[in-house]
N, C-alpha and C. Protein backbone atom coordinates (compact mmCIF):
# COMPACT_ATOMS: atom_id res chain seq x y z
N UNK A 1 124.25 -67.39 53.44
CA UNK A 1 124.24 -68.67 53.00
C UNK A 1 122.82 -68.78 52.79
N UNK A 2 122.27 -69.81 52.18
CA UNK A 2 120.61 -70.14 51.38
C UNK A 2 119.80 -71.00 52.52
N UNK A 3 118.79 -70.57 52.96
CA UNK A 3 118.17 -71.06 53.75
C UNK A 3 117.60 -72.45 53.38
N UNK A 4 117.49 -73.53 53.81
CA UNK A 4 117.26 -74.68 53.87
C UNK A 4 115.60 -75.12 53.91
N UNK A 5 115.54 -75.47 52.21
CA UNK A 5 114.45 -75.72 52.26
C UNK A 5 113.12 -76.74 53.28
N UNK A 6 112.58 -76.55 53.96
CA UNK A 6 111.69 -77.49 55.08
C UNK A 6 110.56 -77.37 54.89
N UNK A 7 110.01 -78.67 54.77
CA UNK A 7 108.42 -79.29 54.47
C UNK A 7 107.84 -79.05 55.73
N UNK A 8 106.84 -78.23 56.29
CA UNK A 8 105.99 -77.58 57.04
C UNK A 8 105.58 -79.38 57.12
N UNK A 9 104.73 -78.89 58.54
CA UNK A 9 104.12 -80.05 59.38
C UNK A 9 102.97 -79.78 59.80
N UNK A 10 102.43 -80.23 60.81
CA UNK A 10 100.54 -79.61 60.48
C UNK A 10 100.49 -78.73 61.62
N UNK A 11 101.78 -78.00 62.44
CA UNK A 11 101.67 -76.73 63.10
C UNK A 11 102.80 -75.81 62.44
N UNK A 12 103.02 -76.12 61.03
CA UNK A 12 104.13 -75.11 60.99
C UNK A 12 105.93 -75.65 60.88
N UNK A 13 106.24 -76.79 61.54
CA UNK A 13 107.14 -76.93 61.95
C UNK A 13 107.79 -77.46 60.97
N UNK A 14 108.93 -77.64 60.82
CA UNK A 14 109.67 -78.32 59.92
C UNK A 14 109.41 -80.02 60.15
N UNK A 15 109.43 -80.95 59.38
CA UNK A 15 109.58 -82.34 59.32
C UNK A 15 111.05 -82.73 58.80
N UNK A 16 111.79 -83.80 59.61
CA UNK A 16 112.50 -84.56 59.83
C UNK A 16 112.32 -85.17 58.35
N UNK A 17 113.99 -85.55 58.05
CA UNK A 17 114.07 -86.13 56.63
C UNK A 17 113.04 -87.59 55.99
N UNK A 18 113.06 -88.35 57.75
CA UNK A 18 111.87 -89.40 57.19
C UNK A 18 110.06 -88.59 57.40
N UNK A 19 109.87 -87.85 57.15
CA UNK A 19 109.36 -87.27 57.48
C UNK A 19 108.60 -87.10 58.65
N UNK A 20 108.82 -87.32 59.73
CA UNK A 20 108.33 -86.91 60.39
C UNK A 20 107.83 -85.46 61.23
N UNK A 21 107.30 -84.77 62.40
CA UNK A 21 107.65 -83.23 61.48
C UNK A 21 108.54 -83.97 63.47
N UNK A 22 109.14 -82.79 63.39
CA UNK A 22 110.87 -82.52 64.17
C UNK A 22 109.59 -82.06 65.79
N UNK A 23 110.50 -82.75 66.80
CA UNK A 23 110.22 -82.41 68.19
C UNK A 23 110.78 -81.42 68.64
N UNK A 24 110.21 -81.05 69.25
CA UNK A 24 111.07 -79.87 70.11
C UNK A 24 111.81 -79.87 71.28
N UNK A 25 112.73 -79.50 70.75
CA UNK A 25 114.05 -79.69 71.81
C UNK A 25 114.11 -79.57 73.27
N UNK A 26 114.93 -80.38 73.76
CA UNK A 26 114.84 -80.56 75.41
C UNK A 26 114.63 -79.32 75.97
N UNK A 27 116.40 -78.76 75.79
CA UNK A 27 116.95 -77.82 76.69
C UNK A 27 116.01 -76.22 75.54
N UNK A 28 115.20 -76.47 75.39
CA UNK A 28 114.14 -75.12 75.50
C UNK A 28 113.68 -74.40 76.18
N UNK A 29 113.46 -73.02 76.82
CA UNK A 29 113.35 -72.66 78.20
C UNK A 29 111.93 -72.46 77.61
N UNK A 30 111.11 -72.51 79.33
CA UNK A 30 109.47 -72.63 79.26
C UNK A 30 109.36 -70.85 78.57
N UNK A 31 110.43 -70.34 79.07
CA UNK A 31 110.20 -68.66 78.49
C UNK A 31 109.80 -68.50 77.19
N UNK A 32 110.83 -69.16 76.33
CA UNK A 32 110.71 -69.42 74.91
C UNK A 32 108.81 -69.92 74.67
N UNK A 33 109.10 -70.86 75.03
CA UNK A 33 107.16 -71.59 75.12
C UNK A 33 106.36 -70.21 75.44
N UNK A 34 106.33 -69.90 76.35
CA UNK A 34 105.73 -68.51 76.34
C UNK A 34 105.00 -67.41 75.45
N UNK A 35 106.47 -67.47 75.06
CA UNK A 35 106.63 -66.63 73.95
C UNK A 35 105.32 -67.08 72.39
N UNK A 36 105.58 -68.65 72.68
CA UNK A 36 104.82 -68.87 71.27
C UNK A 36 103.10 -69.01 71.90
N UNK A 37 102.96 -69.34 72.97
CA UNK A 37 102.11 -70.20 73.20
C UNK A 37 101.02 -69.84 74.74
N UNK A 38 102.10 -68.40 74.76
CA UNK A 38 100.54 -67.22 75.63
C UNK A 38 101.69 -67.39 77.13
N UNK A 39 101.39 -66.35 77.60
CA UNK A 39 101.73 -66.20 78.89
C UNK A 39 101.39 -66.93 79.94
N UNK A 40 100.64 -67.79 79.54
CA UNK A 40 99.93 -68.60 80.93
C UNK A 40 100.36 -69.96 80.65
N UNK A 41 101.10 -70.43 79.78
CA UNK A 41 101.94 -71.53 79.27
C UNK A 41 102.53 -72.22 80.48
N UNK A 42 102.39 -73.01 80.61
CA UNK A 42 102.97 -73.79 82.33
C UNK A 42 103.07 -73.39 83.19
N UNK A 43 101.73 -71.83 83.56
CA UNK A 43 102.33 -70.97 84.87
C UNK A 43 102.24 -71.52 86.05
N UNK A 44 103.17 -71.00 86.94
CA UNK A 44 103.94 -71.69 88.60
C UNK A 44 104.95 -72.14 88.32
N UNK A 45 105.93 -72.11 86.84
CA UNK A 45 106.79 -72.41 86.64
C UNK A 45 107.81 -71.43 85.84
N UNK A 46 109.60 -71.40 86.80
CA UNK A 46 109.50 -70.37 86.46
C UNK A 46 110.36 -70.36 84.81
N UNK A 47 110.57 -69.34 84.26
CA UNK A 47 110.98 -69.21 82.96
C UNK A 47 111.84 -69.56 82.82
N UNK A 48 113.30 -69.39 83.63
CA UNK A 48 114.05 -70.43 82.74
C UNK A 48 114.53 -71.67 83.00
N UNK A 49 113.08 -73.28 83.24
CA UNK A 49 113.44 -74.02 83.84
C UNK A 49 113.48 -74.40 81.88
N UNK A 50 113.77 -76.07 82.33
CA UNK A 50 113.88 -76.63 80.58
C UNK A 50 112.26 -76.88 80.38
N UNK A 51 112.47 -77.33 79.05
CA UNK A 51 111.69 -78.03 78.71
C UNK A 51 111.28 -79.51 79.43
N UNK A 52 112.40 -80.21 78.98
CA UNK A 52 112.38 -81.35 79.60
C UNK A 52 112.52 -81.71 81.00
N UNK A 53 113.05 -80.78 81.86
CA UNK A 53 112.48 -80.61 83.10
C UNK A 53 111.10 -80.43 83.68
N UNK A 54 110.74 -80.14 82.92
CA UNK A 54 109.39 -79.60 83.26
C UNK A 54 108.30 -81.08 82.56
N UNK A 55 108.70 -81.74 81.63
CA UNK A 55 107.79 -82.99 81.13
C UNK A 55 108.10 -84.14 82.23
N UNK A 56 109.77 -83.49 82.89
CA UNK A 56 109.77 -85.01 83.48
C UNK A 56 108.68 -84.86 85.25
N UNK A 57 108.70 -83.52 85.54
CA UNK A 57 107.70 -83.21 86.29
C UNK A 57 106.36 -83.11 86.56
N UNK A 58 105.73 -83.17 84.75
CA UNK A 58 104.33 -83.24 84.51
C UNK A 58 104.04 -84.95 84.47
N UNK A 59 105.56 -85.83 84.00
CA UNK A 59 105.28 -87.49 83.80
C UNK A 59 104.33 -87.56 82.45
N UNK A 60 104.65 -86.36 82.28
CA UNK A 60 104.45 -86.69 80.25
C UNK A 60 105.70 -86.78 79.09
N UNK A 61 105.97 -87.14 78.20
CA UNK A 61 106.94 -87.87 77.03
C UNK A 61 107.07 -86.28 76.24
N UNK A 62 105.97 -85.56 75.76
CA UNK A 62 106.09 -84.93 74.69
C UNK A 62 105.69 -83.40 75.12
N UNK A 63 105.74 -82.86 74.60
CA UNK A 63 104.75 -81.33 74.64
C UNK A 63 103.81 -81.27 73.65
N UNK A 64 103.63 -81.95 73.45
CA UNK A 64 101.95 -82.02 72.58
C UNK A 64 101.30 -82.80 73.61
N UNK A 65 101.95 -84.03 74.62
CA UNK A 65 100.96 -84.30 75.10
C UNK A 65 101.36 -83.52 76.66
N UNK A 66 101.26 -82.44 77.22
CA UNK A 66 101.96 -81.60 77.92
C UNK A 66 100.76 -80.68 77.60
N UNK A 67 100.58 -80.17 76.29
CA UNK A 67 99.19 -79.22 76.34
C UNK A 67 98.09 -80.22 76.73
N UNK A 68 97.70 -80.98 75.94
CA UNK A 68 96.67 -81.64 76.05
C UNK A 68 96.34 -81.82 77.49
N UNK A 69 97.24 -82.50 78.45
CA UNK A 69 97.14 -82.84 79.82
C UNK A 69 97.12 -81.33 80.88
N UNK A 70 96.74 -79.82 80.06
CA UNK A 70 97.02 -79.05 80.82
C UNK A 70 95.33 -78.19 80.81
C-alpha cells in the first residue's frame, strides 16, 4: 500500500483535511512522548500513563499547552 501524502505542519506533523495541524492522540503513552521530547519530559509520572490523564492532572487542554507550562 502506498503511503498517503501528508502536507507537513509547523512541527513536521501532518495536517488534517481542513488544514489544521493534527493533535496528538490522547491514548499516547508518556513513554512514547519521552522518546520524542527527551527523558525529562513529564518527570515524576509513570511512562505507561496516557496523555489524556497527564493533561487532566496538569489542568491544560493540549500537549502544546503542557510543554509551555512545564
